[in-house]
Amino acid sequence: MEKQEIYDKIKAALIDDFDIKAEKLVPEARLYEDLELDSIDAVDLIVKLKSFLPRNIDPEVFKAVRTLQDVVDAIYNLIHNPESK
């Protein structure tokens, strides 16, 4: 799965499940400040994305995630480097 596919899945989830307007969903959008997600929303998003992930997500991976692009990169790395954190 390529980064654009991951981005599209995340974007669809944020639009459908979190009622975030598509125009706000740019790679540099900050999850908490710009998209107004809270920690519960972040967990809900991860649960939604688990369906296409090769394994469970280590919460440590997402402590450094701040932007939509960070989420895409973290998931891409998880898919393409399954032995790493």
N, C-alpha and C. Protein backbone atom coordinates (compact mmCIF):
# COMPACT_ATOMS: atom_id res chain seq x y z
N MET A 1 0.85 -1.17 0.00
CA MET A 1 0.00 0.00 0.00
C MET A 1 0.90 1.24 0.00
N GLU A 2 0.58 2.15 -0.87
CA GLU A 2 1.37 3.37 -0.98
C GLU A 2 0.80 4.48 -0.10
N LYS A 3 1.60 5.51 0.09
CA LYS A 3 1.21 6.60 1.00
C LYS A 3 -0.09 7.27 0.56
N GLN A 4 -0.31 7.43 -0.74
CA GLN A 4 -1.54 8.07 -1.21
C GLN A 4 -2.77 7.25 -0.82
N GLU A 5 -2.67 5.93 -0.92
CA GLU A 5 -3.77 5.05 -0.53
C GLU A 5 -4.07 5.17 0.96
N ILE A 6 -3.01 5.22 1.75
CA ILE A 6 -3.16 5.36 3.20
C ILE A 6 -3.82 6.70 3.51
N TYR A 7 -3.32 7.75 2.88
CA TYR A 7 -3.88 9.09 3.07
C TYR A 7 -5.37 9.11 2.73
N ASP A 8 -5.72 8.47 1.60
CA ASP A 8 -7.12 8.46 1.17
C ASP A 8 -8.01 7.73 2.18
N LYS A 9 -7.52 6.62 2.75
CA LYS A 9 -8.30 5.87 3.74
C LYS A 9 -8.48 6.69 5.03
N ILE A 10 -7.41 7.34 5.45
CA ILE A 10 -7.50 8.17 6.65
C ILE A 10 -8.45 9.33 6.40
N LYS A 11 -8.32 9.96 5.26
CA LYS A 11 -9.17 11.09 4.92
C LYS A 11 -10.64 10.67 4.90
N ALA A 12 -10.94 9.52 4.29
CA ALA A 12 -12.32 9.03 4.25
C ALA A 12 -12.85 8.77 5.65
N ALA A 13 -12.03 8.18 6.51
CA ALA A 13 -12.45 7.91 7.89
C ALA A 13 -12.73 9.21 8.63
N LEU A 14 -11.88 10.19 8.45
CA LEU A 14 -12.07 11.46 9.15
C LEU A 14 -13.32 12.19 8.66
N ILE A 15 -13.61 12.09 7.39
CA ILE A 15 -14.81 12.73 6.84
C ILE A 15 -16.06 11.98 7.31
N ASP A 16 -16.05 10.66 7.14
CA ASP A 16 -17.24 9.85 7.42
C ASP A 16 -17.53 9.70 8.92
N ASP A 17 -16.51 9.47 9.70
CA ASP A 17 -16.71 9.13 11.10
C ASP A 17 -16.53 10.29 12.07
N PHE A 18 -15.83 11.32 11.64
CA PHE A 18 -15.54 12.43 12.55
C PHE A 18 -16.13 13.75 12.05
N ASP A 19 -16.82 13.69 10.91
CA ASP A 19 -17.48 14.87 10.34
C ASP A 19 -16.54 16.06 10.14
N ILE A 20 -15.32 15.75 9.72
CA ILE A 20 -14.35 16.81 9.43
C ILE A 20 -14.47 17.17 7.96
N LYS A 21 -14.49 18.42 7.67
CA LYS A 21 -14.63 18.89 6.29
C LYS A 21 -13.38 18.55 5.48
N ALA A 22 -13.58 18.09 4.26
CA ALA A 22 -12.49 17.63 3.40
C ALA A 22 -11.43 18.70 3.20
N GLU A 23 -11.82 19.95 3.11
CA GLU A 23 -10.83 21.00 2.85
C GLU A 23 -9.86 21.20 4.01
N LYS A 24 -10.21 20.74 5.20
CA LYS A 24 -9.30 20.83 6.34
C LYS A 24 -8.25 19.72 6.34
N LEU A 25 -8.48 18.68 5.54
CA LEU A 25 -7.64 17.49 5.56
C LEU A 25 -6.48 17.59 4.58
N VAL A 26 -5.52 18.37 4.98
CA VAL A 26 -4.29 18.53 4.20
C VAL A 26 -3.16 17.86 4.99
N PRO A 27 -2.11 17.41 4.32
CA PRO A 27 -1.05 16.68 5.03
C PRO A 27 -0.49 17.40 6.25
N GLU A 28 -0.39 18.71 6.19
CA GLU A 28 0.21 19.45 7.31
C GLU A 28 -0.80 19.78 8.43
N ALA A 29 -2.05 19.35 8.28
CA ALA A 29 -3.06 19.62 9.31
C ALA A 29 -2.66 18.95 10.62
N ARG A 30 -2.66 19.73 11.69
CA ARG A 30 -2.33 19.20 13.01
C ARG A 30 -3.59 18.54 13.59
N LEU A 31 -3.40 17.32 14.07
CA LEU A 31 -4.55 16.52 14.52
C LEU A 31 -5.34 17.20 15.62
N TYR A 32 -4.66 17.70 16.62
CA TYR A 32 -5.36 18.24 17.78
C TYR A 32 -5.76 19.69 17.59
N GLU A 33 -4.88 20.49 17.02
CA GLU A 33 -5.16 21.91 16.89
C GLU A 33 -6.07 22.21 15.69
N ASP A 34 -5.71 21.70 14.52
CA ASP A 34 -6.45 22.05 13.30
C ASP A 34 -7.70 21.20 13.10
N LEU A 35 -7.60 19.91 13.42
CA LEU A 35 -8.72 19.00 13.19
C LEU A 35 -9.56 18.79 14.44
N GLU A 36 -9.09 19.35 15.55
CA GLU A 36 -9.81 19.32 16.82
C GLU A 36 -10.12 17.89 17.29
N LEU A 37 -9.19 16.98 17.04
CA LEU A 37 -9.33 15.63 17.57
C LEU A 37 -8.82 15.61 18.99
N ASP A 38 -9.40 14.75 19.81
CA ASP A 38 -8.87 14.58 21.15
C ASP A 38 -8.29 13.16 21.24
N SER A 39 -7.80 12.79 22.40
CA SER A 39 -7.13 11.50 22.53
C SER A 39 -8.09 10.34 22.27
N ILE A 40 -9.35 10.48 22.63
CA ILE A 40 -10.34 9.43 22.36
C ILE A 40 -10.56 9.31 20.86
N ASP A 41 -10.63 10.45 20.15
CA ASP A 41 -10.78 10.42 18.69
C ASP A 41 -9.59 9.72 18.04
N ALA A 42 -8.41 9.98 18.57
CA ALA A 42 -7.20 9.36 18.01
C ALA A 42 -7.27 7.85 18.15
N VAL A 43 -7.71 7.37 19.30
CA VAL A 43 -7.87 5.93 19.50
C VAL A 43 -8.92 5.38 18.54
N ASP A 44 -10.03 6.08 18.41
CA ASP A 44 -11.09 5.64 17.49
C ASP A 44 -10.57 5.55 16.05
N LEU A 45 -9.75 6.52 15.66
CA LEU A 45 -9.18 6.51 14.31
C LEU A 45 -8.28 5.29 14.12
N ILE A 46 -7.46 4.99 15.09
CA ILE A 46 -6.58 3.83 15.01
C ILE A 46 -7.40 2.55 14.87
N VAL A 47 -8.46 2.45 15.63
CA VAL A 47 -9.33 1.26 15.54
C VAL A 47 -9.89 1.13 14.13
N LYS A 48 -10.31 2.24 13.54
CA LYS A 48 -10.83 2.22 12.17
C LYS A 48 -9.77 1.76 11.17
N LEU A 49 -8.53 2.15 11.40
CA LEU A 49 -7.46 1.86 10.45
C LEU A 49 -6.87 0.46 10.62
N LYS A 50 -7.16 -0.19 11.74
CA LYS A 50 -6.59 -1.51 12.01
C LYS A 50 -6.94 -2.54 10.94
N SER A 51 -8.02 -2.34 10.24
CA SER A 51 -8.47 -3.32 9.25
C SER A 51 -7.45 -3.54 8.13
N PHE A 52 -6.62 -2.56 7.84
CA PHE A 52 -5.64 -2.76 6.77
C PHE A 52 -4.20 -2.74 7.28
N LEU A 53 -4.02 -2.91 8.58
CA LEU A 53 -2.67 -2.94 9.15
C LEU A 53 -2.24 -4.40 9.38
N PRO A 54 -0.95 -4.67 9.20
CA PRO A 54 -0.47 -6.04 9.34
C PRO A 54 -0.42 -6.55 10.78
N ARG A 55 -0.43 -5.65 11.72
CA ARG A 55 -0.36 -6.06 13.13
C ARG A 55 -0.84 -4.90 13.99
N ASN A 56 -0.91 -5.17 15.27
CA ASN A 56 -1.33 -4.11 16.19
C ASN A 56 -0.32 -2.97 16.19
N ILE A 57 -0.81 -1.83 16.52
CA ILE A 57 0.03 -0.63 16.54
C ILE A 57 0.57 -0.42 17.94
N ASP A 58 1.86 -0.22 18.03
CA ASP A 58 2.49 0.10 19.30
C ASP A 58 2.14 1.56 19.62
N PRO A 59 1.50 1.81 20.76
CA PRO A 59 1.12 3.18 21.10
C PRO A 59 2.31 4.15 21.09
N GLU A 60 3.50 3.66 21.36
CA GLU A 60 4.69 4.52 21.35
C GLU A 60 4.89 5.17 19.98
N VAL A 61 4.53 4.46 18.92
CA VAL A 61 4.70 4.97 17.56
C VAL A 61 3.90 6.25 17.38
N PHE A 62 2.74 6.30 18.01
CA PHE A 62 1.86 7.44 17.78
C PHE A 62 2.03 8.57 18.78
N LYS A 63 2.93 8.43 19.73
CA LYS A 63 3.16 9.54 20.66
C LYS A 63 3.78 10.74 19.96
N ALA A 64 4.55 10.50 18.90
CA ALA A 64 5.21 11.59 18.19
C ALA A 64 4.38 12.12 17.02
N VAL A 65 3.25 11.51 16.75
CA VAL A 65 2.41 11.91 15.62
C VAL A 65 1.70 13.22 15.95
N ARG A 66 1.86 14.17 15.06
CA ARG A 66 1.24 15.48 15.28
C ARG A 66 0.37 15.92 14.10
N THR A 67 0.74 15.50 12.89
CA THR A 67 0.02 15.95 11.70
C THR A 67 -0.57 14.76 10.96
N LEU A 68 -1.44 15.05 10.03
CA LEU A 68 -2.02 14.00 9.19
C LEU A 68 -0.91 13.25 8.44
N GLN A 69 0.08 13.98 7.95
CA GLN A 69 1.20 13.33 7.25
C GLN A 69 1.98 12.42 8.19
N ASP A 70 2.12 12.79 9.45
CA ASP A 70 2.79 11.92 10.43
C ASP A 70 2.06 10.59 10.56
N VAL A 71 0.72 10.63 10.55
CA VAL A 71 -0.07 9.41 10.65
C VAL A 71 0.17 8.54 9.42
N VAL A 72 0.13 9.16 8.24
CA VAL A 72 0.39 8.43 7.00
C VAL A 72 1.77 7.78 7.05
N ASP A 73 2.77 8.53 7.43
CA ASP A 73 4.14 8.01 7.47
C ASP A 73 4.27 6.86 8.48
N ALA A 74 3.66 7.00 9.64
CA ALA A 74 3.75 5.96 10.66
C ALA A 74 3.09 4.67 10.19
N ILE A 75 1.94 4.78 9.56
CA ILE A 75 1.24 3.59 9.06
C ILE A 75 2.01 2.98 7.89
N TYR A 76 2.52 3.81 7.02
CA TYR A 76 3.32 3.31 5.88
C TYR A 76 4.52 2.52 6.40
N ASN A 77 5.21 3.06 7.39
CA ASN A 77 6.37 2.36 7.96
C ASN A 77 5.96 1.06 8.63
N LEU A 78 4.83 1.06 9.28
CA LEU A 78 4.34 -0.14 9.93
C LEU A 78 4.05 -1.23 8.90
N ILE A 79 3.48 -0.85 7.78
CA ILE A 79 3.14 -1.81 6.73
C ILE A 79 4.40 -2.32 6.03
N HIS A 80 5.33 -1.42 5.73
CA HIS A 80 6.50 -1.77 4.93
C HIS A 80 7.70 -2.23 5.76
N ASN A 81 7.67 -2.02 7.05
CA ASN A 81 8.74 -2.47 7.94
C ASN A 81 8.11 -3.16 9.14
N PRO A 82 7.46 -4.30 8.94
CA PRO A 82 6.69 -4.92 10.02
C PRO A 82 7.51 -5.33 11.23
N GLU A 83 8.81 -5.50 11.07
CA GLU A 83 9.63 -5.91 12.22
C GLU A 83 10.03 -4.73 13.10
N SER A 84 9.89 -3.51 12.59
CA SER A 84 10.25 -2.34 13.39
C SER A 84 9.04 -1.90 14.21
N LYS A 85 9.32 -1.00 15.16
CA LYS A 85 8.23 -0.45 15.99
C LYS A 85 7.36 0.45 15.19
